[in-house]
Amino acid sequence: MKTNELDYELPPELIAQRPAPNRDESRLLVYSRADREVRHRVFRDLPEELPPRTLTVVNDTRVVPARIRIEQPRGEVLLVERLGVDLR
């Protein structure tokens, strides 16, 4: 596969700016490779889309706002956390 095969137009107005009030109502795009069919579902329908005994791994990490934009000098600061080290 070539990376240019992954390029596509994505209008900014289609990018969610905040989560759906009921998270299970989030939109879900399903693409069937077998028949090249595209279906529009909601996240609560995911179990119906998965074959029986499918291993599902859930990533429940959160993005931490760690970037601070500065004007003088122009740029930004990225805050990082050192893991596995006691700083005391």
PDB file of N, CA and C in Angstrom:
ATOM      1  N   MET A   1       0.840  -1.170   0.000  1.00  0.00           N
ATOM      2  CA  MET A   1       0.000   0.000   0.000  1.00  0.00           C
ATOM      3  C   MET A   1       0.885   1.232   0.000  1.00  0.00           C
ATOM      4  N   LYS A   2       0.518   2.213  -0.774  1.00  0.00           N
ATOM      5  CA  LYS A   2       1.246   3.477  -0.824  1.00  0.00           C
ATOM      6  C   LYS A   2       0.503   4.503   0.025  1.00  0.00           C
ATOM      7  N   THR A   3       1.262   5.394   0.676  1.00  0.00           N
ATOM      8  CA  THR A   3       0.624   6.365   1.565  1.00  0.00           C
ATOM      9  C   THR A   3      -0.339   7.291   0.825  1.00  0.00           C
ATOM     10  N   ASN A   4      -0.093   7.547  -0.458  1.00  0.00           N
ATOM     11  CA  ASN A   4      -1.007   8.443  -1.185  1.00  0.00           C
ATOM     12  C   ASN A   4      -2.383   7.796  -1.375  1.00  0.00           C
ATOM     13  N   GLU A   5      -2.481   6.487  -1.178  1.00  0.00           N
ATOM     14  CA  GLU A   5      -3.778   5.820  -1.244  1.00  0.00           C
ATOM     15  C   GLU A   5      -4.656   6.177  -0.046  1.00  0.00           C
ATOM     16  N   LEU A   6      -4.057   6.752   0.973  1.00  0.00           N
ATOM     17  CA  LEU A   6      -4.799   7.144   2.168  1.00  0.00           C
ATOM     18  C   LEU A   6      -5.241   8.603   2.131  1.00  0.00           C
ATOM     19  N   ASP A   7      -4.853   9.347   1.100  1.00  0.00           N
ATOM     20  CA  ASP A   7      -5.235  10.751   0.977  1.00  0.00           C
ATOM     21  C   ASP A   7      -6.700  10.877   0.579  1.00  0.00           C
ATOM     22  N   TYR A   8      -7.403  11.805   1.191  1.00  0.00           N
ATOM     23  CA  TYR A   8      -8.796  12.068   0.831  1.00  0.00           C
ATOM     24  C   TYR A   8      -9.173  13.470   1.300  1.00  0.00           C
ATOM     25  N   GLU A   9     -10.235  14.011   0.713  1.00  0.00           N
ATOM     26  CA  GLU A   9     -10.751  15.316   1.107  1.00  0.00           C
ATOM     27  C   GLU A   9     -11.584  15.151   2.375  1.00  0.00           C
ATOM     28  N   LEU A  10     -11.348  15.999   3.363  1.00  0.00           N
ATOM     29  CA  LEU A  10     -12.130  15.977   4.589  1.00  0.00           C
ATOM     30  C   LEU A  10     -12.514  17.409   4.928  1.00  0.00           C
ATOM     31  N   PRO A  11     -13.736  17.810   4.592  1.00  0.00           N
ATOM     32  CA  PRO A  11     -14.161  19.181   4.897  1.00  0.00           C
ATOM     33  C   PRO A  11     -14.128  19.434   6.399  1.00  0.00           C
ATOM     34  N   PRO A  12     -13.550  20.558   6.833  1.00  0.00           N
ATOM     35  CA  PRO A  12     -13.436  20.858   8.272  1.00  0.00           C
ATOM     36  C   PRO A  12     -14.776  20.833   9.004  1.00  0.00           C
ATOM     37  N   GLU A  13     -15.856  21.198   8.315  1.00  0.00           N
ATOM     38  CA  GLU A  13     -17.159  21.225   8.995  1.00  0.00           C
ATOM     39  C   GLU A  13     -17.662  19.824   9.353  1.00  0.00           C
ATOM     40  N   LEU A  14     -17.026  18.788   8.828  1.00  0.00           N
ATOM     41  CA  LEU A  14     -17.418  17.420   9.170  1.00  0.00           C
ATOM     42  C   LEU A  14     -16.629  16.849  10.348  1.00  0.00           C
ATOM     43  N   ILE A  15     -15.690  17.617  10.874  1.00  0.00           N
ATOM     44  CA  ILE A  15     -14.884  17.176  12.010  1.00  0.00           C
ATOM     45  C   ILE A  15     -15.559  17.644  13.295  1.00  0.00           C
ATOM     46  N   ALA A  16     -15.918  16.706  14.157  1.00  0.00           N
ATOM     47  CA  ALA A  16     -16.602  17.041  15.409  1.00  0.00           C
ATOM     48  C   ALA A  16     -15.709  17.936  16.270  1.00  0.00           C
ATOM     49  N   GLN A  17     -16.289  18.965  16.846  1.00  0.00           N
ATOM     50  CA  GLN A  17     -15.558  19.868  17.723  1.00  0.00           C
ATOM     51  C   GLN A  17     -15.741  19.503  19.191  1.00  0.00           C
ATOM     52  N   ARG A  18     -16.763  18.701  19.466  1.00  0.00           N
ATOM     53  CA  ARG A  18     -17.003  18.224  20.832  1.00  0.00           C
ATOM     54  C   ARG A  18     -17.718  16.881  20.741  1.00  0.00           C
ATOM     55  N   PRO A  19     -17.617  16.070  21.775  1.00  0.00           N
ATOM     56  CA  PRO A  19     -18.253  14.750  21.721  1.00  0.00           C
ATOM     57  C   PRO A  19     -19.774  14.864  21.679  1.00  0.00           C
ATOM     58  N   ALA A  20     -20.428  13.830  21.160  1.00  0.00           N
ATOM     59  CA  ALA A  20     -21.885  13.766  21.167  1.00  0.00           C
ATOM     60  C   ALA A  20     -22.365  13.723  22.618  1.00  0.00           C
ATOM     61  N   PRO A  21     -23.520  14.341  22.906  1.00  0.00           N
ATOM     62  CA  PRO A  21     -24.022  14.330  24.289  1.00  0.00           C
ATOM     63  C   PRO A  21     -24.136  12.912  24.846  1.00  0.00           C
ATOM     64  N   ASN A  22     -24.647  11.992  24.048  1.00  0.00           N
ATOM     65  CA  ASN A  22     -24.685  10.580  24.431  1.00  0.00           C
ATOM     66  C   ASN A  22     -23.623   9.885  23.598  1.00  0.00           C
ATOM     67  N   ARG A  23     -22.569   9.448  24.254  1.00  0.00           N
ATOM     68  CA  ARG A  23     -21.399   8.940  23.529  1.00  0.00           C
ATOM     69  C   ARG A  23     -21.740   7.785  22.592  1.00  0.00           C
ATOM     70  N   ASP A  24     -22.732   6.957  22.923  1.00  0.00           N
ATOM     71  CA  ASP A  24     -23.061   5.834  22.054  1.00  0.00           C
ATOM     72  C   ASP A  24     -23.792   6.283  20.784  1.00  0.00           C
ATOM     73  N   GLU A  25     -24.101   7.583  20.678  1.00  0.00           N
ATOM     74  CA  GLU A  25     -24.718   8.123  19.465  1.00  0.00           C
ATOM     75  C   GLU A  25     -23.674   8.707  18.506  1.00  0.00           C
ATOM     76  N   SER A  26     -22.399   8.561  18.839  1.00  0.00           N
ATOM     77  CA  SER A  26     -21.330   9.037  17.950  1.00  0.00           C
ATOM     78  C   SER A  26     -21.431   8.314  16.621  1.00  0.00           C
ATOM     79  N   ARG A  27     -21.106   9.027  15.549  1.00  0.00           N
ATOM     80  CA  ARG A  27     -21.205   8.446  14.216  1.00  0.00           C
ATOM     81  C   ARG A  27     -20.132   7.390  13.993  1.00  0.00           C
ATOM     82  N   LEU A  28     -20.489   6.363  13.230  1.00  0.00           N
ATOM     83  CA  LEU A  28     -19.581   5.260  12.936  1.00  0.00           C
ATOM     84  C   LEU A  28     -19.687   4.941  11.455  1.00  0.00           C
ATOM     85  N   LEU A  29     -18.578   5.010  10.754  1.00  0.00           N
ATOM     86  CA  LEU A  29     -18.544   4.659   9.335  1.00  0.00           C
ATOM     87  C   LEU A  29     -18.057   3.223   9.225  1.00  0.00           C
ATOM     88  N   VAL A  30     -18.811   2.392   8.532  1.00  0.00           N
ATOM     89  CA  VAL A  30     -18.464   0.987   8.360  1.00  0.00           C
ATOM     90  C   VAL A  30     -18.208   0.735   6.881  1.00  0.00           C
ATOM     91  N   TYR A  31     -17.044   0.174   6.580  1.00  0.00           N
ATOM     92  CA  TYR A  31     -16.695  -0.147   5.199  1.00  0.00           C
ATOM     93  C   TYR A  31     -16.502  -1.654   5.090  1.00  0.00           C
ATOM     94  N   SER A  32     -17.257  -2.268   4.195  1.00  0.00           N
ATOM     95  CA  SER A  32     -17.135  -3.703   3.972  1.00  0.00           C
ATOM     96  C   SER A  32     -16.171  -3.937   2.818  1.00  0.00           C
ATOM     97  N   ARG A  33     -15.031  -4.547   3.114  1.00  0.00           N
ATOM     98  CA  ARG A  33     -14.069  -4.842   2.045  1.00  0.00           C
ATOM     99  C   ARG A  33     -14.593  -5.887   1.080  1.00  0.00           C
ATOM    100  N   ALA A  34     -15.446  -6.780   1.557  1.00  0.00           N
ATOM    101  CA  ALA A  34     -15.953  -7.860   0.710  1.00  0.00           C
ATOM    102  C   ALA A  34     -16.779  -7.328  -0.455  1.00  0.00           C
ATOM    103  N   ASP A  35     -17.683  -6.392  -0.168  1.00  0.00           N
ATOM    104  CA  ASP A  35     -18.541  -5.881  -1.246  1.00  0.00           C
ATOM    105  C   ASP A  35     -18.374  -4.386  -1.496  1.00  0.00           C
ATOM    106  N   ARG A  36     -17.374  -3.777  -0.830  1.00  0.00           N
ATOM    107  CA  ARG A  36     -17.048  -2.356  -0.993  1.00  0.00           C
ATOM    108  C   ARG A  36     -18.221  -1.452  -0.625  1.00  0.00           C
ATOM    109  N   GLU A  37     -19.042  -1.918   0.282  1.00  0.00           N
ATOM    110  CA  GLU A  37     -20.210  -1.160   0.731  1.00  0.00           C
ATOM    111  C   GLU A  37     -19.824  -0.248   1.895  1.00  0.00           C
ATOM    112  N   VAL A  38     -20.368   0.966   1.896  1.00  0.00           N
ATOM    113  CA  VAL A  38     -20.173   1.909   2.992  1.00  0.00           C
ATOM    114  C   VAL A  38     -21.511   2.062   3.700  1.00  0.00           C
ATOM    115  N   ARG A  39     -21.487   1.896   5.035  1.00  0.00           N
ATOM    116  CA  ARG A  39     -22.692   2.081   5.832  1.00  0.00           C
ATOM    117  C   ARG A  39     -22.425   3.121   6.899  1.00  0.00           C
ATOM    118  N   HIS A  40     -23.437   3.934   7.174  1.00  0.00           N
ATOM    119  CA  HIS A  40     -23.354   4.936   8.239  1.00  0.00           C
ATOM    120  C   HIS A  40     -24.173   4.421   9.415  1.00  0.00           C
ATOM    121  N   ARG A  41     -23.491   4.216  10.534  1.00  0.00           N
ATOM    122  CA  ARG A  41     -24.130   3.677  11.731  1.00  0.00           C
ATOM    123  C   ARG A  41     -23.826   4.608  12.889  1.00  0.00           C
ATOM    124  N   VAL A  42     -24.177   4.182  14.089  1.00  0.00           N
ATOM    125  CA  VAL A  42     -23.782   4.879  15.312  1.00  0.00           C
ATOM    126  C   VAL A  42     -22.988   3.886  16.159  1.00  0.00           C
ATOM    127  N   PHE A  43     -22.204   4.421  17.095  1.00  0.00           N
ATOM    128  CA  PHE A  43     -21.257   3.597  17.838  1.00  0.00           C
ATOM    129  C   PHE A  43     -21.933   2.455  18.589  1.00  0.00           C
ATOM    130  N   ARG A  44     -23.144   2.650  19.080  1.00  0.00           N
ATOM    131  CA  ARG A  44     -23.810   1.573  19.821  1.00  0.00           C
ATOM    132  C   ARG A  44     -24.081   0.363  18.925  1.00  0.00           C
ATOM    133  N   ASP A  45     -24.015   0.528  17.590  1.00  0.00           N
ATOM    134  CA  ASP A  45     -24.220  -0.578  16.657  1.00  0.00           C
ATOM    135  C   ASP A  45     -22.952  -1.400  16.431  1.00  0.00           C
ATOM    136  N   LEU A  46     -21.840  -0.997  17.009  1.00  0.00           N
ATOM    137  CA  LEU A  46     -20.571  -1.680  16.769  1.00  0.00           C
ATOM    138  C   LEU A  46     -20.630  -3.191  17.030  1.00  0.00           C
ATOM    139  N   PRO A  47     -21.235  -3.664  18.124  1.00  0.00           N
ATOM    140  CA  PRO A  47     -21.264  -5.122  18.342  1.00  0.00           C
ATOM    141  C   PRO A  47     -21.936  -5.883  17.193  1.00  0.00           C
ATOM    142  N   GLU A  48     -22.903  -5.275  16.529  1.00  0.00           N
ATOM    143  CA  GLU A  48     -23.564  -5.932  15.400  1.00  0.00           C
ATOM    144  C   GLU A  48     -22.636  -6.030  14.183  1.00  0.00           C
ATOM    145  N   GLU A  49     -21.650  -5.175  14.111  1.00  0.00           N
ATOM    146  CA  GLU A  49     -20.738  -5.135  12.966  1.00  0.00           C
ATOM    147  C   GLU A  49     -19.551  -6.084  13.117  1.00  0.00           C
ATOM    148  N   LEU A  50     -19.282  -6.529  14.333  1.00  0.00           N
ATOM    149  CA  LEU A  50     -18.119  -7.379  14.582  1.00  0.00           C
ATOM    150  C   LEU A  50     -18.495  -8.852  14.520  1.00  0.00           C
ATOM    151  N   PRO A  51     -17.630  -9.668  13.928  1.00  0.00           N
ATOM    152  CA  PRO A  51     -17.890 -11.117  13.918  1.00  0.00           C
ATOM    153  C   PRO A  51     -17.882 -11.664  15.353  1.00  0.00           C
ATOM    154  N   PRO A  52     -18.564 -12.788  15.585  1.00  0.00           N
ATOM    155  CA  PRO A  52     -18.553 -13.397  16.925  1.00  0.00           C
ATOM    156  C   PRO A  52     -17.119 -13.673  17.390  1.00  0.00           C
ATOM    157  N   ARG A  53     -16.915 -13.563  18.689  1.00  0.00           N
ATOM    158  CA  ARG A  53     -15.633 -13.848  19.342  1.00  0.00           C
ATOM    159  C   ARG A  53     -14.495 -12.934  18.873  1.00  0.00           C
ATOM    160  N   THR A  54     -14.834 -11.727  18.438  1.00  0.00           N
ATOM    161  CA  THR A  54     -13.814 -10.754  18.042  1.00  0.00           C
ATOM    162  C   THR A  54     -13.157 -10.179  19.290  1.00  0.00           C
ATOM    163  N   LEU A  55     -11.836 -10.165  19.306  1.00  0.00           N
ATOM    164  CA  LEU A  55     -11.113  -9.541  20.408  1.00  0.00           C
ATOM    165  C   LEU A  55     -11.179  -8.029  20.216  1.00  0.00           C
ATOM    166  N   THR A  56     -11.682  -7.323  21.213  1.00  0.00           N
ATOM    167  CA  THR A  56     -11.800  -5.869  21.158  1.00  0.00           C
ATOM    168  C   THR A  56     -10.917  -5.277  22.244  1.00  0.00           C
ATOM    169  N   VAL A  57     -10.049  -4.375  21.868  1.00  0.00           N
ATOM    170  CA  VAL A  57      -9.177  -3.689  22.816  1.00  0.00           C
ATOM    171  C   VAL A  57      -9.634  -2.248  22.896  1.00  0.00           C
ATOM    172  N   VAL A  58      -9.917  -1.771  24.090  1.00  0.00           N
ATOM    173  CA  VAL A  58     -10.433  -0.422  24.288  1.00  0.00           C
ATOM    174  C   VAL A  58      -9.310   0.469  24.801  1.00  0.00           C
ATOM    175  N   ASN A  59      -9.112   1.580  24.116  1.00  0.00           N
ATOM    176  CA  ASN A  59      -8.118   2.566  24.531  1.00  0.00           C
ATOM    177  C   ASN A  59      -8.871   3.682  25.241  1.00  0.00           C
ATOM    178  N   ASP A  60      -8.694   3.780  26.557  1.00  0.00           N
ATOM    179  CA  ASP A  60      -9.414   4.812  27.304  1.00  0.00           C
ATOM    180  C   ASP A  60      -8.497   5.950  27.758  1.00  0.00           C
ATOM    181  N   THR A  61      -7.407   6.161  27.039  1.00  0.00           N
ATOM    182  CA  THR A  61      -6.503   7.251  27.383  1.00  0.00           C
ATOM    183  C   THR A  61      -7.136   8.590  27.032  1.00  0.00           C
ATOM    184  N   ARG A  62      -6.678   9.622  27.656  1.00  0.00           N
ATOM    185  CA  ARG A  62      -7.165  10.975  27.418  1.00  0.00           C
ATOM    186  C   ARG A  62      -6.006  11.823  26.903  1.00  0.00           C
ATOM    187  N   VAL A  63      -6.340  12.768  26.053  1.00  0.00           N
ATOM    188  CA  VAL A  63      -5.333  13.706  25.572  1.00  0.00           C
ATOM    189  C   VAL A  63      -5.226  14.830  26.592  1.00  0.00           C
ATOM    190  N   VAL A  64      -4.016  15.107  27.030  1.00  0.00           N
ATOM    191  CA  VAL A  64      -3.783  16.169  27.999  1.00  0.00           C
ATOM    192  C   VAL A  64      -3.371  17.429  27.239  1.00  0.00           C
ATOM    193  N   PRO A  65      -4.063  18.554  27.480  1.00  0.00           N
ATOM    194  CA  PRO A  65      -3.638  19.784  26.808  1.00  0.00           C
ATOM    195  C   PRO A  65      -2.255  20.190  27.334  1.00  0.00           C
ATOM    196  N   ALA A  66      -1.225  19.945  26.539  1.00  0.00           N
ATOM    197  CA  ALA A  66       0.142  20.157  27.020  1.00  0.00           C
ATOM    198  C   ALA A  66       0.921  21.122  26.145  1.00  0.00           C
ATOM    199  N   ARG A  67       0.248  21.821  25.241  1.00  0.00           N
ATOM    200  CA  ARG A  67       0.934  22.754  24.358  1.00  0.00           C
ATOM    201  C   ARG A  67       0.511  24.170  24.723  1.00  0.00           C
ATOM    202  N   ILE A  68       1.484  25.040  24.942  1.00  0.00           N
ATOM    203  CA  ILE A  68       1.219  26.439  25.276  1.00  0.00           C
ATOM    204  C   ILE A  68       1.810  27.303  24.174  1.00  0.00           C
ATOM    205  N   ARG A  69       0.958  28.057  23.498  1.00  0.00           N
ATOM    206  CA  ARG A  69       1.435  28.956  22.447  1.00  0.00           C
ATOM    207  C   ARG A  69       1.948  30.245  23.087  1.00  0.00           C
ATOM    208  N   ILE A  70       3.087  30.728  22.598  1.00  0.00           N
ATOM    209  CA  ILE A  70       3.655  31.970  23.124  1.00  0.00           C
ATOM    210  C   ILE A  70       3.886  32.944  21.973  1.00  0.00           C
ATOM    211  N   GLU A  71       3.798  34.240  22.284  1.00  0.00           N
ATOM    212  CA  GLU A  71       3.945  35.277  21.261  1.00  0.00           C
ATOM    213  C   GLU A  71       5.384  35.786  21.145  1.00  0.00           C
ATOM    214  N   GLN A  72       6.069  35.994  22.280  1.00  0.00           N
ATOM    215  CA  GLN A  72       7.420  36.547  22.234  1.00  0.00           C
ATOM    216  C   GLN A  72       8.364  35.671  23.053  1.00  0.00           C
ATOM    217  N   PRO A  73       9.334  35.033  22.520  1.00  0.00           N
ATOM    218  CA  PRO A  73       9.549  34.837  21.099  1.00  0.00           C
ATOM    219  C   PRO A  73       8.456  33.921  20.553  1.00  0.00           C
ATOM    220  N   ARG A  74       8.132  34.076  19.305  1.00  0.00           N
ATOM    221  CA  ARG A  74       7.031  33.322  18.707  1.00  0.00           C
ATOM    222  C   ARG A  74       7.352  31.819  18.707  1.00  0.00           C
ATOM    223  N   GLY A  75       6.384  31.018  19.087  1.00  0.00           N
ATOM    224  CA  GLY A  75       6.577  29.571  19.097  1.00  0.00           C
ATOM    225  C   GLY A  75       5.602  28.902  20.028  1.00  0.00           C
ATOM    226  N   GLU A  76       6.015  27.793  20.584  1.00  0.00           N
ATOM    227  CA  GLU A  76       5.168  27.080  21.518  1.00  0.00           C
ATOM    228  C   GLU A  76       6.028  26.248  22.447  1.00  0.00           C
ATOM    229  N   VAL A  77       5.475  25.916  23.593  1.00  0.00           N
ATOM    230  CA  VAL A  77       6.138  25.086  24.591  1.00  0.00           C
ATOM    231  C   VAL A  77       5.316  23.810  24.717  1.00  0.00           C
ATOM    232  N   LEU A  78       5.970  22.672  24.723  1.00  0.00           N
ATOM    233  CA  LEU A  78       5.282  21.398  24.896  1.00  0.00           C
ATOM    234  C   LEU A  78       5.674  20.838  26.254  1.00  0.00           C
ATOM    235  N   LEU A  79       4.673  20.628  27.122  1.00  0.00           N
ATOM    236  CA  LEU A  79       4.927  20.082  28.447  1.00  0.00           C
ATOM    237  C   LEU A  79       4.944  18.563  28.352  1.00  0.00           C
ATOM    238  N   VAL A  80       5.938  17.945  28.945  1.00  0.00           N
ATOM    239  CA  VAL A  80       6.027  16.487  28.929  1.00  0.00           C
ATOM    240  C   VAL A  80       6.133  15.985  30.360  1.00  0.00           C
ATOM    241  N   GLU A  81       5.762  14.750  30.554  1.00  0.00           N
ATOM    242  CA  GLU A  81       5.825  14.134  31.868  1.00  0.00           C
ATOM    243  C   GLU A  81       6.805  12.976  31.811  1.00  0.00           C
ATOM    244  N   ARG A  82       7.742  12.943  32.734  1.00  0.00           N
ATOM    245  CA  ARG A  82       8.693  11.851  32.808  1.00  0.00           C
ATOM    246  C   ARG A  82       8.037  10.691  33.542  1.00  0.00           C
ATOM    247  N   LEU A  83       7.990   9.549  32.920  1.00  0.00           N
ATOM    248  CA  LEU A  83       7.332   8.387  33.519  1.00  0.00           C
ATOM    249  C   LEU A  83       8.337   7.469  34.171  1.00  0.00           C
ATOM    250  N   GLY A  84       7.950   6.874  35.282  1.00  0.00           N
ATOM    251  CA  GLY A  84       8.782   5.882  35.945  1.00  0.00           C
ATOM    252  C   GLY A  84       9.935   6.457  36.723  1.00  0.00           C
ATOM    253  N   VAL A  85       9.930   7.763  36.999  1.00  0.00           N
ATOM    254  CA  VAL A  85      11.026   8.377  37.745  1.00  0.00           C
ATOM    255  C   VAL A  85      10.424   9.171  38.901  1.00  0.00           C
ATOM    256  N   ASP A  86      10.894   8.931  40.107  1.00  0.00           N
ATOM    257  CA  ASP A  86      10.451   9.686  41.281  1.00  0.00           C
ATOM    258  C   ASP A  86      11.274  10.965  41.335  1.00  0.00           C
ATOM    259  N   LEU A  87      10.633  12.117  41.164  1.00  0.00           N
ATOM    260  CA  LEU A  87      11.354  13.401  41.106  1.00  0.00           C
ATOM    261  C   LEU A  87      11.546  14.023  42.495  1.00  0.00           C
ATOM    262  N   ARG A  88      11.129  13.335  43.545  1.00  0.00           N
ATOM    263  CA  ARG A  88      11.305  13.913  44.884  1.00  0.00           C
ATOM    264  C   ARG A  88      12.703  13.754  45.369  1.00  0.00           C
TER     265      ARG A  88
END
